[in-house]
mmCIF file of all heavy atoms, coordinates in Angstrom:
data_MODEL
# 
_entry.id   MODEL 
# 
loop_
_atom_site.group_PDB 
_atom_site.id 
_atom_site.type_symbol 
_atom_site.label_atom_id 
_atom_site.label_alt_id 
_atom_site.label_comp_id 
_atom_site.label_asym_id 
_atom_site.label_entity_id 
_atom_site.label_seq_id 
_atom_site.pdbx_PDB_ins_code 
_atom_site.Cartn_x 
_atom_site.Cartn_y 
_atom_site.Cartn_z 
_atom_site.occupancy 
_atom_site.B_iso_or_equiv 
_atom_site.pdbx_formal_charge 
_atom_site.auth_seq_id 
_atom_site.auth_comp_id 
_atom_site.auth_asym_id 
_atom_site.auth_atom_id 
_atom_site.pdbx_PDB_model_num 
ATOM 1   N N   . LYS A 1 1  ? 0.788  -1.241  0.000  1.00 0.00 ? 1  LYS A N   1 
ATOM 2   C CA  . LYS A 1 1  ? 0.000  0.000   0.000  1.00 0.00 ? 1  LYS A CA  1 
ATOM 3   C C   . LYS A 1 1  ? 0.816  1.284   0.000  1.00 0.00 ? 1  LYS A C   1 
ATOM 4   O O   . LYS A 1 1  ? 0.234  2.366   0.059  1.00 0.00 ? 1  LYS A O   1 
ATOM 5   C CB  . LYS A 1 1  ? -0.946 0.004   1.207  1.00 0.00 ? 1  LYS A CB  1 
ATOM 6   C CG  . LYS A 1 1  ? -1.990 -1.086  1.115  1.00 0.00 ? 1  LYS A CG  1 
ATOM 7   C CD  . LYS A 1 1  ? -2.943 -1.034  2.273  1.00 0.00 ? 1  LYS A CD  1 
ATOM 8   C CE  . LYS A 1 1  ? -3.988 -2.126  2.101  1.00 0.00 ? 1  LYS A CE  1 
ATOM 9   N NZ  . LYS A 1 1  ? -4.446 -2.686  3.342  1.00 0.00 ? 1  LYS A NZ  1 
ATOM 10  N N   . ASP A 1 2  ? 2.151  1.176   -0.044 1.00 0.00 ? 2  ASP A N   1 
ATOM 11  C CA  . ASP A 1 2  ? 2.957  2.401   -0.119 1.00 0.00 ? 2  ASP A CA  1 
ATOM 12  C C   . ASP A 1 2  ? 2.678  3.017   -1.487 1.00 0.00 ? 2  ASP A C   1 
ATOM 13  O O   . ASP A 1 2  ? 2.978  2.403   -2.514 1.00 0.00 ? 2  ASP A O   1 
ATOM 14  C CB  . ASP A 1 2  ? 4.446  2.066   0.058  1.00 0.00 ? 2  ASP A CB  1 
ATOM 15  C CG  . ASP A 1 2  ? 5.301  3.315   0.185  1.00 0.00 ? 2  ASP A CG  1 
ATOM 16  O OD1 . ASP A 1 2  ? 4.987  4.340   -0.481 1.00 0.00 ? 2  ASP A OD1 1 
ATOM 17  O OD2 . ASP A 1 2  ? 6.298  3.280   0.931  1.00 0.00 ? 2  ASP A OD2 1 
ATOM 18  N N   . PRO A 1 3  ? 2.096  4.230   -1.516 1.00 0.00 ? 3  PRO A N   1 
ATOM 19  C CA  . PRO A 1 3  ? 1.683  4.812   -2.802 1.00 0.00 ? 3  PRO A CA  1 
ATOM 20  C C   . PRO A 1 3  ? 2.852  5.115   -3.753 1.00 0.00 ? 3  PRO A C   1 
ATOM 21  O O   . PRO A 1 3  ? 2.639  5.331   -4.944 1.00 0.00 ? 3  PRO A O   1 
ATOM 22  C CB  . PRO A 1 3  ? 0.944  6.092   -2.404 1.00 0.00 ? 3  PRO A CB  1 
ATOM 23  C CG  . PRO A 1 3  ? 1.427  6.406   -1.028 1.00 0.00 ? 3  PRO A CG  1 
ATOM 24  C CD  . PRO A 1 3  ? 1.784  5.100   -0.386 1.00 0.00 ? 3  PRO A CD  1 
ATOM 25  N N   . ARG A 1 4  ? 4.065  5.097   -3.252 1.00 0.00 ? 4  ARG A N   1 
ATOM 26  C CA  . ARG A 1 4  ? 5.237  5.371   -4.098 1.00 0.00 ? 4  ARG A CA  1 
ATOM 27  C C   . ARG A 1 4  ? 5.642  4.161   -4.937 1.00 0.00 ? 4  ARG A C   1 
ATOM 28  O O   . ARG A 1 4  ? 6.455  4.304   -5.854 1.00 0.00 ? 4  ARG A O   1 
ATOM 29  C CB  . ARG A 1 4  ? 6.425  5.801   -3.230 1.00 0.00 ? 4  ARG A CB  1 
ATOM 30  C CG  . ARG A 1 4  ? 6.148  7.077   -2.432 1.00 0.00 ? 4  ARG A CG  1 
ATOM 31  C CD  . ARG A 1 4  ? 7.212  7.324   -1.391 1.00 0.00 ? 4  ARG A CD  1 
ATOM 32  N NE  . ARG A 1 4  ? 7.119  6.336   -0.304 1.00 0.00 ? 4  ARG A NE  1 
ATOM 33  C CZ  . ARG A 1 4  ? 7.887  6.343   0.771  1.00 0.00 ? 4  ARG A CZ  1 
ATOM 34  N NH1 . ARG A 1 4  ? 8.814  7.272   0.922  1.00 0.00 ? 4  ARG A NH1 1 
ATOM 35  N NH2 . ARG A 1 4  ? 7.738  5.419   1.713  1.00 0.00 ? 4  ARG A NH2 1 
ATOM 36  N N   . PHE A 1 5  ? 5.114  2.968   -4.609 1.00 0.00 ? 5  PHE A N   1 
ATOM 37  C CA  . PHE A 1 5  ? 5.583  1.736   -5.240 1.00 0.00 ? 5  PHE A CA  1 
ATOM 38  C C   . PHE A 1 5  ? 4.410  0.825   -5.595 1.00 0.00 ? 5  PHE A C   1 
ATOM 39  O O   . PHE A 1 5  ? 3.362  0.882   -4.976 1.00 0.00 ? 5  PHE A O   1 
ATOM 40  C CB  . PHE A 1 5  ? 6.513  0.966   -4.278 1.00 0.00 ? 5  PHE A CB  1 
ATOM 41  C CG  . PHE A 1 5  ? 7.663  1.776   -3.774 1.00 0.00 ? 5  PHE A CG  1 
ATOM 42  C CD1 . PHE A 1 5  ? 7.623  2.341   -2.500 1.00 0.00 ? 5  PHE A CD1 1 
ATOM 43  C CD2 . PHE A 1 5  ? 8.787  1.987   -4.554 1.00 0.00 ? 5  PHE A CD2 1 
ATOM 44  C CE1 . PHE A 1 5  ? 8.683  3.099   -2.022 1.00 0.00 ? 5  PHE A CE1 1 
ATOM 45  C CE2 . PHE A 1 5  ? 9.853  2.740   -4.081 1.00 0.00 ? 5  PHE A CE2 1 
ATOM 46  C CZ  . PHE A 1 5  ? 9.806  3.290   -2.818 1.00 0.00 ? 5  PHE A CZ  1 
ATOM 47  N N   . SER A 1 6  ? 4.662  -0.056  -6.557 1.00 0.00 ? 6  SER A N   1 
ATOM 48  C CA  . SER A 1 6  ? 3.682  -1.101  -6.856 1.00 0.00 ? 6  SER A CA  1 
ATOM 49  C C   . SER A 1 6  ? 3.799  -2.184  -5.780 1.00 0.00 ? 6  SER A C   1 
ATOM 50  O O   . SER A 1 6  ? 4.837  -2.294  -5.114 1.00 0.00 ? 6  SER A O   1 
ATOM 51  C CB  . SER A 1 6  ? 3.956  -1.694  -8.243 1.00 0.00 ? 6  SER A CB  1 
ATOM 52  O OG  . SER A 1 6  ? 5.258  -2.253  -8.279 1.00 0.00 ? 6  SER A OG  1 
ATOM 53  N N   . PRO A 1 7  ? 2.755  -2.989  -5.606 1.00 0.00 ? 7  PRO A N   1 
ATOM 54  C CA  . PRO A 1 7  ? 2.837  -4.065  -4.598 1.00 0.00 ? 7  PRO A CA  1 
ATOM 55  C C   . PRO A 1 7  ? 3.998  -5.022  -4.894 1.00 0.00 ? 7  PRO A C   1 
ATOM 56  O O   . PRO A 1 7  ? 4.329  -5.276  -6.054 1.00 0.00 ? 7  PRO A O   1 
ATOM 57  C CB  . PRO A 1 7  ? 1.488  -4.775  -4.739 1.00 0.00 ? 7  PRO A CB  1 
ATOM 58  C CG  . PRO A 1 7  ? 0.565  -3.736  -5.287 1.00 0.00 ? 7  PRO A CG  1 
ATOM 59  C CD  . PRO A 1 7  ? 1.425  -2.906  -6.211 1.00 0.00 ? 7  PRO A CD  1 
ATOM 60  N N   . ILE A 1 8  ? 4.590  -5.535  -3.851 1.00 0.00 ? 8  ILE A N   1 
ATOM 61  C CA  . ILE A 1 8  ? 5.708  -6.473  -3.992 1.00 0.00 ? 8  ILE A CA  1 
ATOM 62  C C   . ILE A 1 8  ? 5.179  -7.803  -4.499 1.00 0.00 ? 8  ILE A C   1 
ATOM 63  O O   . ILE A 1 8  ? 4.192  -8.327  -3.985 1.00 0.00 ? 8  ILE A O   1 
ATOM 64  C CB  . ILE A 1 8  ? 6.441  -6.618  -2.644 1.00 0.00 ? 8  ILE A CB  1 
ATOM 65  C CG1 . ILE A 1 8  ? 7.220  -5.327  -2.376 1.00 0.00 ? 8  ILE A CG1 1 
ATOM 66  C CG2 . ILE A 1 8  ? 7.362  -7.843  -2.633 1.00 0.00 ? 8  ILE A CG2 1 
ATOM 67  C CD1 . ILE A 1 8  ? 7.881  -5.254  -1.035 1.00 0.00 ? 8  ILE A CD1 1 
ATOM 68  N N   . GLY A 1 9  ? 5.874  -8.325  -5.513 1.00 0.00 ? 9  GLY A N   1 
ATOM 69  C CA  . GLY A 1 9  ? 5.479  -9.598  -6.096 1.00 0.00 ? 9  GLY A CA  1 
ATOM 70  C C   . GLY A 1 9  ? 6.311  -10.744 -5.551 1.00 0.00 ? 9  GLY A C   1 
ATOM 71  O O   . GLY A 1 9  ? 7.413  -10.541 -5.017 1.00 0.00 ? 9  GLY A O   1 
ATOM 72  N N   . GLU A 1 10 ? 5.800  -11.944 -5.726 1.00 0.00 ? 10 GLU A N   1 
ATOM 73  C CA  . GLU A 1 10 ? 6.455  -13.149 -5.217 1.00 0.00 ? 10 GLU A CA  1 
ATOM 74  C C   . GLU A 1 10 ? 7.875  -13.290 -5.757 1.00 0.00 ? 10 GLU A C   1 
ATOM 75  O O   . GLU A 1 10 ? 8.776  -13.743 -5.048 1.00 0.00 ? 10 GLU A O   1 
ATOM 76  C CB  . GLU A 1 10 ? 5.607  -14.365 -5.597 1.00 0.00 ? 10 GLU A CB  1 
ATOM 77  C CG  . GLU A 1 10 ? 5.931  -15.597 -4.839 1.00 0.00 ? 10 GLU A CG  1 
ATOM 78  C CD  . GLU A 1 10 ? 4.951  -16.733 -5.105 1.00 0.00 ? 10 GLU A CD  1 
ATOM 79  O OE1 . GLU A 1 10 ? 3.849  -16.495 -5.640 1.00 0.00 ? 10 GLU A OE1 1 
ATOM 80  O OE2 . GLU A 1 10 ? 5.323  -17.860 -4.765 1.00 0.00 ? 10 GLU A OE2 1 
ATOM 81  N N   . GLU A 1 11 ? 8.092  -12.869 -6.996 1.00 0.00 ? 11 GLU A N   1 
ATOM 82  C CA  . GLU A 1 11 ? 9.413  -12.999 -7.625 1.00 0.00 ? 11 GLU A CA  1 
ATOM 83  C C   . GLU A 1 11 ? 10.468 -12.096 -6.979 1.00 0.00 ? 11 GLU A C   1 
ATOM 84  O O   . GLU A 1 11 ? 11.671 -12.300 -7.184 1.00 0.00 ? 11 GLU A O   1 
ATOM 85  C CB  . GLU A 1 11 ? 9.319  -12.709 -9.132 1.00 0.00 ? 11 GLU A CB  1 
ATOM 86  C CG  . GLU A 1 11 ? 9.054  -11.248 -9.497 1.00 0.00 ? 11 GLU A CG  1 
ATOM 87  C CD  . GLU A 1 11 ? 7.612  -10.749 -9.264 1.00 0.00 ? 11 GLU A CD  1 
ATOM 88  O OE1 . GLU A 1 11 ? 6.721  -11.573 -8.923 1.00 0.00 ? 11 GLU A OE1 1 
ATOM 89  O OE2 . GLU A 1 11 ? 7.394  -9.538  -9.408 1.00 0.00 ? 11 GLU A OE2 1 
ATOM 90  N N   . GLU A 1 12 ? 10.060 -11.130 -6.188 1.00 0.00 ? 12 GLU A N   1 
ATOM 91  C CA  . GLU A 1 12 ? 11.002 -10.209 -5.538 1.00 0.00 ? 12 GLU A CA  1 
ATOM 92  C C   . GLU A 1 12 ? 11.436 -10.658 -4.146 1.00 0.00 ? 12 GLU A C   1 
ATOM 93  O O   . GLU A 1 12 ? 12.376 -10.099 -3.583 1.00 0.00 ? 12 GLU A O   1 
ATOM 94  C CB  . GLU A 1 12 ? 10.358 -8.816  -5.382 1.00 0.00 ? 12 GLU A CB  1 
ATOM 95  C CG  . GLU A 1 12 ? 9.993  -8.138  -6.674 1.00 0.00 ? 12 GLU A CG  1 
ATOM 96  C CD  . GLU A 1 12 ? 9.296  -6.832  -6.395 1.00 0.00 ? 12 GLU A CD  1 
ATOM 97  O OE1 . GLU A 1 12 ? 10.008 -5.821  -6.194 1.00 0.00 ? 12 GLU A OE1 1 
ATOM 98  O OE2 . GLU A 1 12 ? 8.050  -6.806  -6.346 1.00 0.00 ? 12 GLU A OE2 1 
ATOM 99  N N   . LEU A 1 13 ? 10.769 -11.616 -3.567 1.00 0.00 ? 13 LEU A N   1 
ATOM 100 C CA  . LEU A 1 13 ? 10.938 -11.933 -2.145 1.00 0.00 ? 13 LEU A CA  1 
ATOM 101 C C   . LEU A 1 13 ? 12.384 -12.232 -1.757 1.00 0.00 ? 13 LEU A C   1 
ATOM 102 O O   . LEU A 1 13 ? 12.826 -11.822 -0.685 1.00 0.00 ? 13 LEU A O   1 
ATOM 103 C CB  . LEU A 1 13 ? 10.018 -13.083 -1.743 1.00 0.00 ? 13 LEU A CB  1 
ATOM 104 C CG  . LEU A 1 13 ? 8.522  -12.770 -1.841 1.00 0.00 ? 13 LEU A CG  1 
ATOM 105 C CD1 . LEU A 1 13 ? 7.699  -14.010 -1.526 1.00 0.00 ? 13 LEU A CD1 1 
ATOM 106 C CD2 . LEU A 1 13 ? 8.133  -11.601 -0.949 1.00 0.00 ? 13 LEU A CD2 1 
ATOM 107 N N   . ASP A 1 14 ? 13.142 -12.916 -2.594 1.00 0.00 ? 14 ASP A N   1 
ATOM 108 C CA  . ASP A 1 14 ? 14.534 -13.257 -2.274 1.00 0.00 ? 14 ASP A CA  1 
ATOM 109 C C   . ASP A 1 14 ? 15.473 -12.061 -2.324 1.00 0.00 ? 14 ASP A C   1 
ATOM 110 O O   . ASP A 1 14 ? 16.608 -12.157 -1.883 1.00 0.00 ? 14 ASP A O   1 
ATOM 111 C CB  . ASP A 1 14 ? 15.057 -14.343 -3.221 1.00 0.00 ? 14 ASP A CB  1 
ATOM 112 C CG  . ASP A 1 14 ? 14.444 -15.697 -2.915 1.00 0.00 ? 14 ASP A CG  1 
ATOM 113 O OD1 . ASP A 1 14 ? 13.901 -15.865 -1.807 1.00 0.00 ? 14 ASP A OD1 1 
ATOM 114 O OD2 . ASP A 1 14 ? 14.511 -16.576 -3.790 1.00 0.00 ? 14 ASP A OD2 1 
ATOM 115 N N   . LYS A 1 15 ? 15.004 -10.942 -2.863 1.00 0.00 ? 15 LYS A N   1 
ATOM 116 C CA  . LYS A 1 15 ? 15.866 -9.770  -3.027 1.00 0.00 ? 15 LYS A CA  1 
ATOM 117 C C   . LYS A 1 15 ? 15.624 -8.694  -1.964 1.00 0.00 ? 15 LYS A C   1 
ATOM 118 O O   . LYS A 1 15 ? 16.220 -7.631  -2.017 1.00 0.00 ? 15 LYS A O   1 
ATOM 119 C CB  . LYS A 1 15 ? 15.639 -9.159  -4.415 1.00 0.00 ? 15 LYS A CB  1 
ATOM 120 C CG  . LYS A 1 15 ? 15.955 -10.101 -5.558 1.00 0.00 ? 15 LYS A CG  1 
ATOM 121 C CD  . LYS A 1 15 ? 15.652 -9.434  -6.887 1.00 0.00 ? 15 LYS A CD  1 
ATOM 122 C CE  . LYS A 1 15 ? 15.935 -10.373 -8.035 1.00 0.00 ? 15 LYS A CE  1 
ATOM 123 N NZ  . LYS A 1 15 ? 14.738 -11.041 -8.530 1.00 0.00 ? 15 LYS A NZ  1 
ATOM 124 N N   . LEU A 1 16 ? 14.749 -8.974  -1.000 1.00 0.00 ? 16 LEU A N   1 
ATOM 125 C CA  . LEU A 1 16 ? 14.337 -7.939  -0.043 1.00 0.00 ? 16 LEU A CA  1 
ATOM 126 C C   . LEU A 1 16 ? 15.149 -7.979  1.245  1.00 0.00 ? 16 LEU A C   1 
ATOM 127 O O   . LEU A 1 16 ? 15.472 -9.046  1.754  1.00 0.00 ? 16 LEU A O   1 
ATOM 128 C CB  . LEU A 1 16 ? 12.858 -8.112  0.306  1.00 0.00 ? 16 LEU A CB  1 
ATOM 129 C CG  . LEU A 1 16 ? 11.874 -8.101  -0.854 1.00 0.00 ? 16 LEU A CG  1 
ATOM 130 C CD1 . LEU A 1 16 ? 10.459 -8.325  -0.334 1.00 0.00 ? 16 LEU A CD1 1 
ATOM 131 C CD2 . LEU A 1 16 ? 11.964 -6.815  -1.657 1.00 0.00 ? 16 LEU A CD2 1 
ATOM 132 N N   . THR A 1 17 ? 15.474 -6.793  1.743  1.00 0.00 ? 17 THR A N   1 
ATOM 133 C CA  . THR A 1 17 ? 15.984 -6.656  3.104  1.00 0.00 ? 17 THR A CA  1 
ATOM 134 C C   . THR A 1 17 ? 14.936 -5.845  3.878  1.00 0.00 ? 17 THR A C   1 
ATOM 135 O O   . THR A 1 17 ? 14.327 -4.919  3.339  1.00 0.00 ? 17 THR A O   1 
ATOM 136 C CB  . THR A 1 17 ? 17.358 -5.963  3.169  1.00 0.00 ? 17 THR A CB  1 
ATOM 137 O OG1 . THR A 1 17 ? 17.286 -4.722  2.478  1.00 0.00 ? 17 THR A OG1 1 
ATOM 138 C CG2 . THR A 1 17 ? 18.444 -6.817  2.558  1.00 0.00 ? 17 THR A CG2 1 
ATOM 139 N N   . ILE A 1 18 ? 14.739 -6.221  5.126  1.00 0.00 ? 18 ILE A N   1 
ATOM 140 C CA  . ILE A 1 18 ? 13.649 -5.659  5.917  1.00 0.00 ? 18 ILE A CA  1 
ATOM 141 C C   . ILE A 1 18 ? 14.196 -5.172  7.252  1.00 0.00 ? 18 ILE A C   1 
ATOM 142 O O   . ILE A 1 18 ? 15.047 -5.829  7.855  1.00 0.00 ? 18 ILE A O   1 
ATOM 143 C CB  . ILE A 1 18 ? 12.561 -6.730  6.141  1.00 0.00 ? 18 ILE A CB  1 
ATOM 144 C CG1 . ILE A 1 18 ? 11.986 -7.160  4.786  1.00 0.00 ? 18 ILE A CG1 1 
ATOM 145 C CG2 . ILE A 1 18 ? 11.455 -6.214  7.061  1.00 0.00 ? 18 ILE A CG2 1 
ATOM 146 C CD1 . ILE A 1 18 ? 11.192 -8.434  4.828  1.00 0.00 ? 18 ILE A CD1 1 
ATOM 147 N N   . SER A 1 19 ? 13.696 -4.022  7.692  1.00 0.00 ? 19 SER A N   1 
ATOM 148 C CA  . SER A 1 19 ? 13.984 -3.569  9.050  1.00 0.00 ? 19 SER A CA  1 
ATOM 149 C C   . SER A 1 19 ? 12.670 -3.162  9.703  1.00 0.00 ? 19 SER A C   1 
ATOM 150 O O   . SER A 1 19 ? 11.704 -2.810  9.022  1.00 0.00 ? 19 SER A O   1 
ATOM 151 C CB  . SER A 1 19 ? 14.993 -2.412  9.063  1.00 0.00 ? 19 SER A CB  1 
ATOM 152 O OG  . SER A 1 19 ? 14.482 -1.285  8.384  1.00 0.00 ? 19 SER A OG  1 
ATOM 153 N N   . VAL A 1 20 ? 12.649 -3.250  11.018 1.00 0.00 ? 20 VAL A N   1 
ATOM 154 C CA  . VAL A 1 20 ? 11.467 -2.897  11.802 1.00 0.00 ? 20 VAL A CA  1 
ATOM 155 C C   . VAL A 1 20 ? 11.910 -1.886  12.857 1.00 0.00 ? 20 VAL A C   1 
ATOM 156 O O   . VAL A 1 20 ? 12.829 -2.161  13.637 1.00 0.00 ? 20 VAL A O   1 
ATOM 157 C CB  . VAL A 1 20 ? 10.853 -4.149  12.482 1.00 0.00 ? 20 VAL A CB  1 
ATOM 158 C CG1 . VAL A 1 20 ? 9.691  -3.746  13.391 1.00 0.00 ? 20 VAL A CG1 1 
ATOM 159 C CG2 . VAL A 1 20 ? 10.402 -5.167  11.434 1.00 0.00 ? 20 VAL A CG2 1 
ATOM 160 N N   . ASP A 1 21 ? 11.257 -0.730  12.864 1.00 0.00 ? 21 ASP A N   1 
ATOM 161 C CA  . ASP A 1 21 ? 11.529 0.307   13.857 1.00 0.00 ? 21 ASP A CA  1 
ATOM 162 C C   . ASP A 1 21 ? 10.367 0.358   14.846 1.00 0.00 ? 21 ASP A C   1 
ATOM 163 O O   . ASP A 1 21 ? 9.223  0.542   14.442 1.00 0.00 ? 21 ASP A O   1 
ATOM 164 C CB  . ASP A 1 21 ? 11.666 1.679   13.190 1.00 0.00 ? 21 ASP A CB  1 
ATOM 165 C CG  . ASP A 1 21 ? 12.954 1.823   12.421 1.00 0.00 ? 21 ASP A CG  1 
ATOM 166 O OD1 . ASP A 1 21 ? 14.011 1.774   13.052 1.00 0.00 ? 21 ASP A OD1 1 
ATOM 167 O OD2 . ASP A 1 21 ? 12.902 1.983   11.180 1.00 0.00 ? 21 ASP A OD2 1 
ATOM 168 N N   . VAL A 1 22 ? 10.685 0.194   16.126 1.00 0.00 ? 22 VAL A N   1 
ATOM 169 C CA  . VAL A 1 22 ? 9.690  0.327   17.190 1.00 0.00 ? 22 VAL A CA  1 
ATOM 170 C C   . VAL A 1 22 ? 9.893  1.710   17.794 1.00 0.00 ? 22 VAL A C   1 
ATOM 171 O O   . VAL A 1 22 ? 10.977 2.027   18.296 1.00 0.00 ? 22 VAL A O   1 
ATOM 172 C CB  . VAL A 1 22 ? 9.849  -0.784  18.249 1.00 0.00 ? 22 VAL A CB  1 
ATOM 173 C CG1 . VAL A 1 22 ? 8.813  -0.605  19.357 1.00 0.00 ? 22 VAL A CG1 1 
ATOM 174 C CG2 . VAL A 1 22 ? 9.718  -2.170  17.601 1.00 0.00 ? 22 VAL A CG2 1 
ATOM 175 N N   . LEU A 1 23 ? 8.853  2.526   17.709 1.00 0.00 ? 23 LEU A N   1 
ATOM 176 C CA  . LEU A 1 23 ? 8.956  3.920   18.131 1.00 0.00 ? 23 LEU A CA  1 
ATOM 177 C C   . LEU A 1 23 ? 8.792  4.071   19.633 1.00 0.00 ? 23 LEU A C   1 
ATOM 178 O O   . LEU A 1 23 ? 7.939  3.425   20.237 1.00 0.00 ? 23 LEU A O   1 
ATOM 179 C CB  . LEU A 1 23 ? 7.898  4.774   17.427 1.00 0.00 ? 23 LEU A CB  1 
ATOM 180 C CG  . LEU A 1 23 ? 8.207  5.224   15.997 1.00 0.00 ? 23 LEU A CG  1 
ATOM 181 C CD1 . LEU A 1 23 ? 8.432  4.065   15.054 1.00 0.00 ? 23 LEU A CD1 1 
ATOM 182 C CD2 . LEU A 1 23 ? 7.108  6.130   15.477 1.00 0.00 ? 23 LEU A CD2 1 
ATOM 183 N N   . GLY A 1 24 ? 9.612  4.952   20.186 1.00 0.00 ? 24 GLY A N   1 
ATOM 184 C CA  . GLY A 1 24 ? 9.464  5.342   21.577 1.00 0.00 ? 24 GLY A CA  1 
ATOM 185 C C   . GLY A 1 24 ? 8.412  6.426   21.695 1.00 0.00 ? 24 GLY A C   1 
ATOM 186 O O   . GLY A 1 24 ? 7.769  6.815   20.719 1.00 0.00 ? 24 GLY A O   1 
ATOM 187 N N   . ASP A 1 25 ? 8.239  6.956   22.895 1.00 0.00 ? 25 ASP A N   1 
ATOM 188 C CA  . ASP A 1 25 ? 7.245  7.998   23.142 1.00 0.00 ? 25 ASP A CA  1 
ATOM 189 C C   . ASP A 1 25 ? 7.594  9.277   22.407 1.00 0.00 ? 25 ASP A C   1 
ATOM 190 O O   . ASP A 1 25 ? 8.772  9.631   22.264 1.00 0.00 ? 25 ASP A O   1 
ATOM 191 C CB  . ASP A 1 25 ? 7.149  8.291   24.645 1.00 0.00 ? 25 ASP A CB  1 
ATOM 192 C CG  . ASP A 1 25 ? 6.566  7.123   25.417 1.00 0.00 ? 25 ASP A CG  1 
ATOM 193 O OD1 . ASP A 1 25 ? 5.813  6.322   24.821 1.00 0.00 ? 25 ASP A OD1 1 
ATOM 194 O OD2 . ASP A 1 25 ? 6.876  7.004   26.614 1.00 0.00 ? 25 ASP A OD2 1 
ATOM 195 N N   . MET A 1 26 ? 6.565  9.986   21.958 1.00 0.00 ? 26 MET A N   1 
ATOM 196 C CA  . MET A 1 26 ? 6.723  11.287  21.321 1.00 0.00 ? 26 MET A CA  1 
ATOM 197 C C   . MET A 1 26 ? 6.971  12.343  22.396 1.00 0.00 ? 26 MET A C   1 
ATOM 198 O O   . MET A 1 26 ? 6.373  12.298  23.465 1.00 0.00 ? 26 MET A O   1 
ATOM 199 C CB  . MET A 1 26 ? 5.458  11.676  20.555 1.00 0.00 ? 26 MET A CB  1 
ATOM 200 C CG  . MET A 1 26 ? 5.120  10.765  19.405 1.00 0.00 ? 26 MET A CG  1 
ATOM 201 S SD  . MET A 1 26 ? 6.282  10.969  18.052 1.00 0.00 ? 26 MET A SD  1 
ATOM 202 C CE  . MET A 1 26 ? 6.134  9.358   17.308 1.00 0.00 ? 26 MET A CE  1 
# 
C-alpha cells in the first residue's frame, strides 16, 4: 500500500531486506 511503489510480487521476495523500527514515546 505504499503509494510510491507497486505491490511487492512473489518474484522479488529473495531480493528484499527488511527492518522494523519500534517507536518510543513522542
